[in-house]
PDB file of all heavy atoms in Angstrom:
ATOM      1  N   ARG A   1      76.218 105.048  68.590  1.00  0.00           N
ATOM      2  CA  ARG A   1      77.654 105.025  68.635  1.00  0.00           C
ATOM      3  C   ARG A   1      78.298 106.031  69.599  1.00  0.00           C
ATOM      4  O   ARG A   1      79.157 105.689  70.407  1.00  0.00           O
ATOM      5  CB  ARG A   1      78.228 105.290  67.194  1.00  0.00           C
ATOM      6  CG  ARG A   1      79.711 105.120  67.057  1.00  0.00           C
ATOM      7  CD  ARG A   1      80.182 105.200  65.634  1.00  0.00           C
ATOM      8  NE  ARG A   1      79.888 106.555  65.049  1.00  0.00           N
ATOM      9  CZ  ARG A   1      78.930 106.797  64.191  1.00  0.00           C
ATOM     10  NH1 ARG A   1      78.099 105.839  63.826  1.00  0.00           N
ATOM     11  NH2 ARG A   1      78.697 108.021  63.723  1.00  0.00           N
ATOM     12  N   LEU A   2      77.765 107.272  69.549  1.00  0.00           N
ATOM     13  CA  LEU A   2      78.305 108.287  70.446  1.00  0.00           C
ATOM     14  C   LEU A   2      77.972 108.032  71.903  1.00  0.00           C
ATOM     15  O   LEU A   2      78.800 108.240  72.807  1.00  0.00           O
ATOM     16  CB  LEU A   2      77.756 109.671  69.998  1.00  0.00           C
ATOM     17  CG  LEU A   2      78.182 110.171  68.585  1.00  0.00           C
ATOM     18  CD1 LEU A   2      77.574 111.482  68.299  1.00  0.00           C
ATOM     19  CD2 LEU A   2      79.714 110.280  68.534  1.00  0.00           C
ATOM     20  N   THR A   3      76.723 107.566  72.147  1.00  0.00           N
ATOM     21  CA  THR A   3      76.290 107.313  73.502  1.00  0.00           C
ATOM     22  C   THR A   3      77.085 106.135  74.113  1.00  0.00           C
ATOM     23  O   THR A   3      77.509 106.169  75.236  1.00  0.00           O
ATOM     24  CB  THR A   3      74.798 106.964  73.562  1.00  0.00           C
ATOM     25  OG1 THR A   3      74.092 108.034  72.936  1.00  0.00           O
ATOM     26  CG2 THR A   3      74.324 106.779  74.981  1.00  0.00           C
ATOM     27  N   GLU A   4      77.300 105.116  73.292  1.00  0.00           N
ATOM     28  CA  GLU A   4      78.117 103.948  73.768  1.00  0.00           C
ATOM     29  C   GLU A   4      79.534 104.391  74.096  1.00  0.00           C
ATOM     30  O   GLU A   4      80.127 103.997  75.099  1.00  0.00           O
ATOM     31  CB  GLU A   4      78.129 102.833  72.709  1.00  0.00           C
ATOM     32  CG  GLU A   4      78.916 101.633  73.110  1.00  0.00           C
ATOM     33  CD  GLU A   4      78.847 100.531  72.103  1.00  0.00           C
ATOM     34  OE1 GLU A   4      77.949 100.553  71.191  1.00  0.00           O
ATOM     35  OE2 GLU A   4      79.719  99.631  72.127  1.00  0.00           O
ATOM     36  N   ARG A   5      80.097 105.236  73.216  1.00  0.00           N
ATOM     37  CA  ARG A   5      81.440 105.740  73.480  1.00  0.00           C
ATOM     38  C   ARG A   5      81.500 106.553  74.774  1.00  0.00           C
ATOM     39  O   ARG A   5      82.409 106.395  75.590  1.00  0.00           O
ATOM     40  CB  ARG A   5      81.936 106.621  72.282  1.00  0.00           C
ATOM     41  CG  ARG A   5      83.363 107.100  72.409  1.00  0.00           C
ATOM     42  CD  ARG A   5      83.637 108.263  71.510  1.00  0.00           C
ATOM     43  NE  ARG A   5      82.895 109.437  71.958  1.00  0.00           N
ATOM     44  CZ  ARG A   5      82.830 110.574  71.271  1.00  0.00           C
ATOM     45  NH1 ARG A   5      83.367 110.678  70.065  1.00  0.00           N
ATOM     46  NH2 ARG A   5      82.175 111.617  71.764  1.00  0.00           N
ATOM     47  N   GLN A   6      80.463 107.373  74.971  1.00  0.00           N
ATOM     48  CA  GLN A   6      80.476 108.197  76.178  1.00  0.00           C
ATOM     49  C   GLN A   6      80.273 107.353  77.428  1.00  0.00           C
ATOM     50  O   GLN A   6      80.897 107.603  78.453  1.00  0.00           O
ATOM     51  CB  GLN A   6      79.366 109.245  76.062  1.00  0.00           C
ATOM     52  CG  GLN A   6      79.399 110.300  77.186  1.00  0.00           C
ATOM     53  CD  GLN A   6      78.462 111.472  76.918  1.00  0.00           C
ATOM     54  OE1 GLN A   6      77.860 111.538  75.845  1.00  0.00           O
ATOM     55  NE2 GLN A   6      78.306 112.298  77.920  1.00  0.00           N
ATOM     56  N   ILE A   7      79.412 106.309  77.354  1.00  0.00           N
ATOM     57  CA  ILE A   7      79.220 105.388  78.491  1.00  0.00           C
ATOM     58  C   ILE A   7      80.546 104.778  78.833  1.00  0.00           C
ATOM     59  O   ILE A   7      80.957 104.672  80.008  1.00  0.00           O
ATOM     60  CB  ILE A   7      78.172 104.331  78.139  1.00  0.00           C
ATOM     61  CG1 ILE A   7      76.774 105.004  78.123  1.00  0.00           C
ATOM     62  CG2 ILE A   7      78.181 103.228  79.194  1.00  0.00           C
ATOM     63  CD1 ILE A   7      75.677 104.068  77.641  1.00  0.00           C
ATOM     64  N   LYS A   8      81.282 104.307  77.813  1.00  0.00           N
ATOM     65  CA  LYS A   8      82.542 103.655  78.043  1.00  0.00           C
ATOM     66  C   LYS A   8      83.547 104.655  78.699  1.00  0.00           C
ATOM     67  O   LYS A   8      84.310 104.287  79.591  1.00  0.00           O
ATOM     68  CB  LYS A   8      83.143 103.103  76.751  1.00  0.00           C
ATOM     69  CG  LYS A   8      82.375 101.884  76.230  1.00  0.00           C
ATOM     70  CD  LYS A   8      82.959 101.381  74.969  1.00  0.00           C
ATOM     71  CE  LYS A   8      82.267 100.104  74.481  1.00  0.00           C
ATOM     72  NZ  LYS A   8      82.846  99.557  73.221  1.00  0.00           N
ATOM     73  N   GLU A   9      83.532 105.908  78.211  1.00  0.00           N
ATOM     74  CA  GLU A   9      84.457 106.909  78.787  1.00  0.00           C
ATOM     75  C   GLU A   9      84.095 107.187  80.229  1.00  0.00           C
ATOM     76  O   GLU A   9      84.983 107.329  81.079  1.00  0.00           O
ATOM     77  CB  GLU A   9      84.351 108.199  77.966  1.00  0.00           C
ATOM     78  CG  GLU A   9      84.939 108.101  76.556  1.00  0.00           C
ATOM     79  CD  GLU A   9      84.765 109.328  75.736  1.00  0.00           C
ATOM     80  OE1 GLU A   9      84.056 110.286  76.262  1.00  0.00           O
ATOM     81  OE2 GLU A   9      85.315 109.444  74.641  1.00  0.00           O
ATOM     82  N   GLU A  10      82.769 107.324  80.545  1.00  0.00           N
ATOM     83  CA  GLU A  10      82.328 107.569  81.907  1.00  0.00           C
ATOM     84  C   GLU A  10      82.791 106.432  82.840  1.00  0.00           C
ATOM     85  O   GLU A  10      83.314 106.625  83.914  1.00  0.00           O
ATOM     86  CB  GLU A  10      80.823 107.746  81.951  1.00  0.00           C
ATOM     87  CG  GLU A  10      80.296 108.963  81.244  1.00  0.00           C
ATOM     88  CD  GLU A  10      80.488 110.222  82.063  1.00  0.00           C
ATOM     89  OE1 GLU A  10      80.824 110.116  83.239  1.00  0.00           O
ATOM     90  OE2 GLU A  10      80.275 111.317  81.469  1.00  0.00           O
ATOM     91  N   PHE A  11      82.539 105.170  82.385  1.00  0.00           N
ATOM     92  CA  PHE A  11      82.902 104.043  83.205  1.00  0.00           C
ATOM     93  C   PHE A  11      84.449 103.859  83.250  1.00  0.00           C
ATOM     94  O   PHE A  11      84.947 103.397  84.300  1.00  0.00           O
ATOM     95  CB  PHE A  11      82.258 102.764  82.680  1.00  0.00           C
ATOM     96  CG  PHE A  11      80.885 102.571  83.222  1.00  0.00           C
ATOM     97  CD1 PHE A  11      79.732 102.992  82.539  1.00  0.00           C
ATOM     98  CD2 PHE A  11      80.694 101.952  84.450  1.00  0.00           C
ATOM     99  CE1 PHE A  11      78.486 102.795  83.056  1.00  0.00           C
ATOM    100  CE2 PHE A  11      79.455 101.744  84.977  1.00  0.00           C
ATOM    101  CZ  PHE A  11      78.298 102.162  84.291  1.00  0.00           C
ATOM    102  N   GLU A  12      85.127 104.250  82.211  1.00  0.00           N
ATOM    103  CA  GLU A  12      86.590 104.148  82.226  1.00  0.00           C
ATOM    104  C   GLU A  12      87.145 105.096  83.288  1.00  0.00           C
ATOM    105  O   GLU A  12      88.117 104.800  83.993  1.00  0.00           O
ATOM    106  CB  GLU A  12      87.155 104.473  80.858  1.00  0.00           C
ATOM    107  CG  GLU A  12      88.689 104.520  80.798  1.00  0.00           C
ATOM    108  CD  GLU A  12      89.334 103.196  81.254  1.00  0.00           C
ATOM    109  OE1 GLU A  12      88.679 102.137  81.098  1.00  0.00           O
ATOM    110  OE2 GLU A  12      90.449 103.244  81.746  1.00  0.00           O
ATOM    111  N   GLU A  13      86.536 106.262  83.393  1.00  0.00           N
ATOM    112  CA  GLU A  13      86.937 107.223  84.445  1.00  0.00           C
ATOM    113  C   GLU A  13      86.705 106.636  85.814  1.00  0.00           C
ATOM    114  O   GLU A  13      87.581 106.745  86.731  1.00  0.00           O
ATOM    115  CB  GLU A  13      86.150 108.531  84.296  1.00  0.00           C
ATOM    116  CG  GLU A  13      86.596 109.609  85.243  1.00  0.00           C
ATOM    117  CD  GLU A  13      85.856 110.920  85.072  1.00  0.00           C
ATOM    118  OE1 GLU A  13      85.110 111.020  84.056  1.00  0.00           O
ATOM    119  OE2 GLU A  13      86.014 111.802  85.944  1.00  0.00           O
ATOM    120  N   LEU A  14      85.561 105.986  86.016  1.00  0.00           N
ATOM    121  CA  LEU A  14      85.283 105.347  87.296  1.00  0.00           C
ATOM    122  C   LEU A  14      86.241 104.136  87.532  1.00  0.00           C
ATOM    123  O   LEU A  14      86.772 103.966  88.642  1.00  0.00           O
ATOM    124  CB  LEU A  14      83.859 104.814  87.341  1.00  0.00           C
ATOM    125  CG  LEU A  14      82.733 105.898  87.289  1.00  0.00           C
ATOM    126  CD1 LEU A  14      81.373 105.225  87.220  1.00  0.00           C
ATOM    127  CD2 LEU A  14      82.849 106.852  88.498  1.00  0.00           C
ATOM    128  N   HIS A  15      86.455 103.369  86.445  1.00  0.00           N
ATOM    129  CA  HIS A  15      87.395 102.248  86.592  1.00  0.00           C
ATOM    130  C   HIS A  15      88.798 102.713  86.955  1.00  0.00           C
ATOM    131  O   HIS A  15      89.472 102.112  87.799  1.00  0.00           O
ATOM    132  CB  HIS A  15      87.441 101.462  85.274  1.00  0.00           C
ATOM    133  CG  HIS A  15      86.128 100.742  84.960  1.00  0.00           C
ATOM    134  ND1 HIS A  15      85.815 100.316  83.702  1.00  0.00           N
ATOM    135  CD2 HIS A  15      85.093 100.419  85.752  1.00  0.00           C
ATOM    136  CE1 HIS A  15      84.596  99.736  83.756  1.00  0.00           C
ATOM    137  NE2 HIS A  15      84.155  99.773  84.966  1.00  0.00           N
ATOM    138  N   GLN A  16      89.218 103.804  86.288  1.00  0.00           N
ATOM    139  CA  GLN A  16      90.553 104.316  86.567  1.00  0.00           C
ATOM    140  C   GLN A  16      90.648 104.815  87.986  1.00  0.00           C
ATOM    141  O   GLN A  16      91.668 104.622  88.674  1.00  0.00           O
ATOM    142  CB  GLN A  16      90.901 105.470  85.571  1.00  0.00           C
ATOM    143  CG  GLN A  16      92.333 105.937  85.644  1.00  0.00           C
ATOM    144  CD  GLN A  16      93.295 104.839  85.379  1.00  0.00           C
ATOM    145  OE1 GLN A  16      93.167 104.128  84.421  1.00  0.00           O
ATOM    146  NE2 GLN A  16      94.338 104.687  86.201  1.00  0.00           N
ATOM    147  N   PHE A  17      89.598 105.488  88.455  1.00  0.00           N
ATOM    148  CA  PHE A  17      89.580 105.947  89.874  1.00  0.00           C
ATOM    149  C   PHE A  17      89.727 104.759  90.792  1.00  0.00           C
ATOM    150  O   PHE A  17      90.522 104.788  91.764  1.00  0.00           O
ATOM    151  CB  PHE A  17      88.306 106.706  90.182  1.00  0.00           C
ATOM    152  CG  PHE A  17      88.101 106.982  91.625  1.00  0.00           C
ATOM    153  CD1 PHE A  17      88.709 108.065  92.268  1.00  0.00           C
ATOM    154  CD2 PHE A  17      87.294 106.145  92.401  1.00  0.00           C
ATOM    155  CE1 PHE A  17      88.530 108.303  93.603  1.00  0.00           C
ATOM    156  CE2 PHE A  17      87.142 106.363  93.769  1.00  0.00           C
ATOM    157  CZ  PHE A  17      87.750 107.442  94.343  1.00  0.00           C
ATOM    158  N   LEU A  18      88.971 103.667  90.539  1.00  0.00           N
ATOM    159  CA  LEU A  18      89.029 102.484  91.388  1.00  0.00           C
ATOM    160  C   LEU A  18      90.391 101.816  91.316  1.00  0.00           C
ATOM    161  O   LEU A  18      90.904 101.311  92.299  1.00  0.00           O
ATOM    162  CB  LEU A  18      87.909 101.488  90.980  1.00  0.00           C
ATOM    163  CG  LEU A  18      86.502 101.978  91.269  1.00  0.00           C
ATOM    164  CD1 LEU A  18      85.505 100.965  90.711  1.00  0.00           C
ATOM    165  CD2 LEU A  18      86.263 102.144  92.758  1.00  0.00           C
ATOM    166  N   ARG A  19      90.960 101.799  90.083  1.00  0.00           N
ATOM    167  CA  ARG A  19      92.306 101.184  89.940  1.00  0.00           C
ATOM    168  C   ARG A  19      93.335 101.987  90.693  1.00  0.00           C
ATOM    169  O   ARG A  19      94.197 101.434  91.403  1.00  0.00           O
ATOM    170  CB  ARG A  19      92.697 101.111  88.441  1.00  0.00           C
ATOM    171  CG  ARG A  19      91.962  99.999  87.663  1.00  0.00           C
ATOM    172  CD  ARG A  19      92.643  99.783  86.345  1.00  0.00           C
ATOM    173  NE  ARG A  19      92.462 100.870  85.446  1.00  0.00           N
ATOM    174  CZ  ARG A  19      91.487 101.032  84.577  1.00  0.00           C
ATOM    175  NH1 ARG A  19      90.566 100.063  84.458  1.00  0.00           N
ATOM    176  NH2 ARG A  19      91.401 102.071  83.767  1.00  0.00           N
ATOM    177  N   ASP A  20      93.246 103.311  90.606  1.00  0.00           N
ATOM    178  CA  ASP A  20      94.140 104.199  91.354  1.00  0.00           C
ATOM    179  C   ASP A  20      93.991 104.007  92.864  1.00  0.00           C
ATOM    180  O   ASP A  20      94.961 103.945  93.616  1.00  0.00           O
ATOM    181  CB  ASP A  20      93.967 105.658  90.984  1.00  0.00           C
ATOM    182  CG  ASP A  20      94.361 105.903  89.516  1.00  0.00           C
ATOM    183  OD1 ASP A  20      95.090 105.099  88.919  1.00  0.00           O
ATOM    184  OD2 ASP A  20      93.938 106.944  88.941  1.00  0.00           O
ATOM    185  N   GLU A  21      92.732 103.984  93.282  1.00  0.00           N
ATOM    186  CA  GLU A  21      92.448 103.818  94.694  1.00  0.00           C
ATOM    187  C   GLU A  21      92.950 102.445  95.194  1.00  0.00           C
ATOM    188  O   GLU A  21      93.499 102.331  96.298  1.00  0.00           O
ATOM    189  CB  GLU A  21      90.992 103.984  94.937  1.00  0.00           C
ATOM    190  CG  GLU A  21      90.550 104.010  96.404  1.00  0.00           C
ATOM    191  CD  GLU A  21      91.025 105.232  97.133  1.00  0.00           C
ATOM    192  OE1 GLU A  21      91.405 106.210  96.441  1.00  0.00           O
ATOM    193  OE2 GLU A  21      91.089 105.207  98.387  1.00  0.00           O
ATOM    194  N   GLU A  22      92.729 101.434  94.396  1.00  0.00           N
ATOM    195  CA  GLU A  22      93.182 100.094  94.752  1.00  0.00           C
ATOM    196  C   GLU A  22      94.718 100.083  94.853  1.00  0.00           C
ATOM    197  O   GLU A  22      95.288  99.519  95.836  1.00  0.00           O
ATOM    198  CB  GLU A  22      92.737  99.065  93.708  1.00  0.00           C
ATOM    199  CG  GLU A  22      93.244  97.654  93.950  1.00  0.00           C
ATOM    200  CD  GLU A  22      92.889  96.726  92.829  1.00  0.00           C
ATOM    201  OE1 GLU A  22      92.429  97.232  91.745  1.00  0.00           O
ATOM    202  OE2 GLU A  22      93.072  95.518  92.940  1.00  0.00           O
ATOM    203  N   ALA A  23      95.383 100.654  93.854  1.00  0.00           N
ATOM    204  CA  ALA A  23      96.855 100.716  93.866  1.00  0.00           C
ATOM    205  C   ALA A  23      97.383 101.461  95.129  1.00  0.00           C
ATOM    206  O   ALA A  23      98.339 101.045  95.736  1.00  0.00           O
ATOM    207  CB  ALA A  23      97.359 101.343  92.601  1.00  0.00           C
ATOM    208  N   ALA A  24      96.694 102.578  95.431  1.00  0.00           N
ATOM    209  CA  ALA A  24      97.176 103.395  96.607  1.00  0.00           C
ATOM    210  C   ALA A  24      96.996 102.595  97.891  1.00  0.00           C
ATOM    211  O   ALA A  24      97.853 102.592  98.770  1.00  0.00           O
ATOM    212  CB  ALA A  24      96.368 104.712  96.700  1.00  0.00           C
ATOM    213  N   ARG A  25      95.876 101.866  98.068  1.00  0.00           N
ATOM    214  CA  ARG A  25      95.640 101.103  99.262  1.00  0.00           C
ATOM    215  C   ARG A  25      96.580  99.877  99.365  1.00  0.00           C
ATOM    216  O   ARG A  25      97.035  99.579 100.427  1.00  0.00           O
ATOM    217  CB  ARG A  25      94.168 100.681  99.355  1.00  0.00           C
ATOM    218  CG  ARG A  25      93.238 101.851  99.595  1.00  0.00           C
ATOM    219  CD  ARG A  25      91.805 101.463  99.682  1.00  0.00           C
ATOM    220  NE  ARG A  25      91.011 102.618 100.135  1.00  0.00           N
ATOM    221  CZ  ARG A  25      90.745 102.945 101.377  1.00  0.00           C
ATOM    222  NH1 ARG A  25      91.280 102.234 102.319  1.00  0.00           N
ATOM    223  NH2 ARG A  25      90.084 104.005 101.686  1.00  0.00           N
ATOM    224  N   ILE A  26      96.819  99.266  98.231  1.00  0.00           N
ATOM    225  CA  ILE A  26      97.763  98.144  98.222  1.00  0.00           C
ATOM    226  C   ILE A  26      99.185  98.635  98.557  1.00  0.00           C
ATOM    227  O   ILE A  26      99.977  97.985  99.311  1.00  0.00           O
ATOM    228  CB  ILE A  26      97.775  97.412  96.916  1.00  0.00           C
ATOM    229  CG1 ILE A  26      96.412  96.656  96.737  1.00  0.00           C
ATOM    230  CG2 ILE A  26      98.933  96.420  96.782  1.00  0.00           C
ATOM    231  CD1 ILE A  26      96.271  95.949  95.466  1.00  0.00           C
ATOM    232  N   ALA A  27      99.532  99.844  98.020  1.00  0.00           N
ATOM    233  CA  ALA A  27     100.864 100.414  98.297  1.00  0.00           C
ATOM    234  C   ALA A  27     100.970 100.757  99.808  1.00  0.00           C
ATOM    235  O   ALA A  27     102.033 100.510 100.404  1.00  0.00           O
ATOM    236  CB  ALA A  27     101.069 101.684  97.485  1.00  0.00           C
ATOM    237  N   ALA A  28      99.872 101.269 100.411  1.00  0.00           N
ATOM    238  CA  ALA A  28      99.900 101.589 101.817  1.00  0.00           C
ATOM    239  C   ALA A  28     100.056 100.317 102.657  1.00  0.00           C
ATOM    240  O   ALA A  28     100.791 100.282 103.657  1.00  0.00           O
ATOM    241  CB  ALA A  28      98.644 102.339 102.231  1.00  0.00           C
ATOM    242  N   LEU A  29      99.369  99.269 102.224  1.00  0.00           N
ATOM    243  CA  LEU A  29      99.480  97.972 102.919  1.00  0.00           C
ATOM    244  C   LEU A  29     100.895  97.450 102.844  1.00  0.00           C
ATOM    245  O   LEU A  29     101.490  96.995 103.822  1.00  0.00           O
ATOM    246  CB  LEU A  29      98.488  96.988 102.341  1.00  0.00           C
ATOM    247  CG  LEU A  29      98.597  95.519 102.806  1.00  0.00           C
ATOM    248  CD1 LEU A  29      98.300  95.449 104.295  1.00  0.00           C
ATOM    249  CD2 LEU A  29      97.683  94.615 101.987  1.00  0.00           C
ATOM    250  N   ARG A  30     101.470  97.504 101.641  1.00  0.00           N
ATOM    251  CA  ARG A  30     102.803  96.962 101.440  1.00  0.00           C
ATOM    252  C   ARG A  30     103.846  97.784 102.237  1.00  0.00           C
ATOM    253  O   ARG A  30     104.879  97.272 102.685  1.00  0.00           O
ATOM    254  CB  ARG A  30     103.164  96.924  99.941  1.00  0.00           C
ATOM    255  CG  ARG A  30     102.355  95.838  99.191  1.00  0.00           C
ATOM    256  CD  ARG A  30     102.637  95.883  97.708  1.00  0.00           C
ATOM    257  NE  ARG A  30     101.901  94.816  97.038  1.00  0.00           N
ATOM    258  CZ  ARG A  30     101.858  94.690  95.711  1.00  0.00           C
ATOM    259  NH1 ARG A  30     102.496  95.561  94.918  1.00  0.00           N
ATOM    260  NH2 ARG A  30     101.151  93.712  95.211  1.00  0.00           N
ATOM    261  N   GLU A  31     103.627  99.104 102.334  1.00  0.00           N
ATOM    262  CA  GLU A  31     104.559  99.955 103.100  1.00  0.00           C
ATOM    263  C   GLU A  31     104.506  99.549 104.574  1.00  0.00           C
ATOM    264  O   GLU A  31     105.598  99.439 105.211  1.00  0.00           O
ATOM    265  CB  GLU A  31     104.167 101.398 102.933  1.00  0.00           C
ATOM    266  CG  GLU A  31     105.115 102.368 103.664  1.00  0.00           C
ATOM    267  CD  GLU A  31     104.740 103.798 103.458  1.00  0.00           C
ATOM    268  OE1 GLU A  31     103.752 104.098 102.734  1.00  0.00           O
ATOM    269  OE2 GLU A  31     105.395 104.689 104.078  1.00  0.00           O
TER     270      GLU A  31
END
């Protein structure tokens, strides 16, 4: 249970980074 939670947290951090990076690049494109 704890390992699964931690895996999800680790990947959520990576996912959030990718989402932020995607949003920043799309914002730059739209600008």
